[in-house]
Amino acid sequence: MISEFQELSDKIDRLAEMTAALRRENAGLRHANVVLAAEKAGYLGLLAEAQQRVSALLDKFPAEAGATTAPDDEAAQ
């Protein structure tokens, strides 16, 4: 009977250790998630800036017209 109590006590100790380890791991994962979310937000901001710059550059190009000639056409003339 005493050995059964000791075995149960050992299992409870292991369970408590596992619970503590999982709590530490969970806290680490939550912290990593916060860091990655901030990093993602930064990259999304950079992407939006890049898209705006590309859009501004595209707006500077003249509208494509049927009367324009390609450089190869000019060289052939």
Protein backbone atom coordinates (compact mmCIF):
# COMPACT_ATOMS: atom_id res chain seq x y z
CA MET A 1 0.00 0.00 0.00
CA ILE A 2 2.82 2.41 0.87
CA SER A 3 4.52 1.72 -2.45
CA GLU A 4 1.32 2.67 -4.26
CA PHE A 5 1.24 5.98 -2.40
CA GLN A 6 4.91 6.56 -3.21
CA GLU A 7 4.24 5.76 -6.87
CA LEU A 8 1.30 8.18 -6.89
CA SER A 9 3.43 10.81 -5.19
CA ASP A 10 6.17 10.38 -7.82
CA LYS A 11 3.61 10.75 -10.62
CA ILE A 12 2.26 13.92 -9.02
CA ASP A 13 5.80 15.30 -8.76
CA ARG A 14 6.45 14.53 -12.43
CA LEU A 15 3.14 16.13 -13.36
CA ALA A 16 4.05 19.27 -11.38
CA GLU A 17 7.45 19.42 -13.11
CA MET A 18 5.86 19.00 -16.54
CA THR A 19 3.29 21.67 -15.74
CA ALA A 20 6.02 24.12 -14.73
CA ALA A 21 8.03 23.32 -17.85
CA LEU A 22 5.00 23.82 -20.07
CA ARG A 23 4.20 27.13 -18.37
CA ARG A 24 7.78 28.33 -19.04
CA GLU A 25 7.59 27.15 -22.64
CA ASN A 26 4.21 28.84 -23.09
CA ALA A 27 5.59 32.11 -21.72
CA GLY A 28 8.55 31.88 -24.10
CA LEU A 29 6.27 31.21 -27.04
CA ARG A 30 4.03 34.13 -26.12
CA HIS A 31 7.06 36.41 -25.97
CA ALA A 32 8.31 35.12 -29.33
CA ASN A 33 4.85 35.69 -30.78
CA VAL A 34 4.87 39.33 -29.62
CA VAL A 35 8.34 39.86 -31.10
CA LEU A 36 7.35 38.27 -34.41
CA ALA A 37 4.12 40.28 -34.59
CA ALA A 38 6.12 43.50 -34.14
CA GLU A 39 8.59 42.36 -36.80
CA LYS A 40 5.73 41.54 -39.16
CA ALA A 41 4.20 44.98 -38.61
CA GLY A 42 7.54 46.57 -39.46
CA TYR A 43 7.83 44.55 -42.66
CA LEU A 44 4.27 45.39 -43.64
CA GLY A 45 5.11 49.07 -43.19
CA LEU A 46 8.20 48.69 -45.37
CA LEU A 47 6.14 46.88 -47.98
CA ALA A 48 3.52 49.65 -48.01
CA GLU A 49 6.27 52.27 -48.43
CA ALA A 50 7.80 50.30 -51.30
CA GLN A 51 4.40 49.95 -52.97
CA GLN A 52 3.86 53.70 -52.70
CA ARG A 53 7.28 54.42 -54.21
CA VAL A 54 6.66 52.02 -57.10
CA SER A 55 3.23 53.51 -57.67
CA ALA A 56 4.71 57.03 -57.68
CA LEU A 57 7.35 55.94 -60.20
CA LEU A 58 4.72 54.34 -62.43
CA ASP A 59 2.68 57.55 -62.31
CA LYS A 60 5.69 59.46 -63.68
CA PHE A 61 5.79 57.35 -66.85
CA PRO A 62 3.80 58.76 -69.74
CA ALA A 63 0.64 56.94 -70.67
CA GLU A 64 1.24 54.24 -73.22
CA ALA A 65 0.16 55.43 -76.67
CA GLY A 66 -0.11 53.58 -79.97
CA ALA A 67 2.09 56.22 -81.69
CA THR A 68 5.20 55.44 -79.70
CA THR A 69 7.88 53.36 -81.33
CA ALA A 70 10.13 50.85 -79.72
CA PRO A 71 13.91 51.46 -79.77
CA ASP A 72 14.39 48.48 -82.13
CA ASP A 73 11.98 50.07 -84.65
CA GLU A 74 13.96 53.32 -84.62
CA ALA A 75 17.25 51.50 -85.19
CA ALA A 76 15.82 49.67 -88.20
CA GLN A 77 14.83 52.95 -89.92
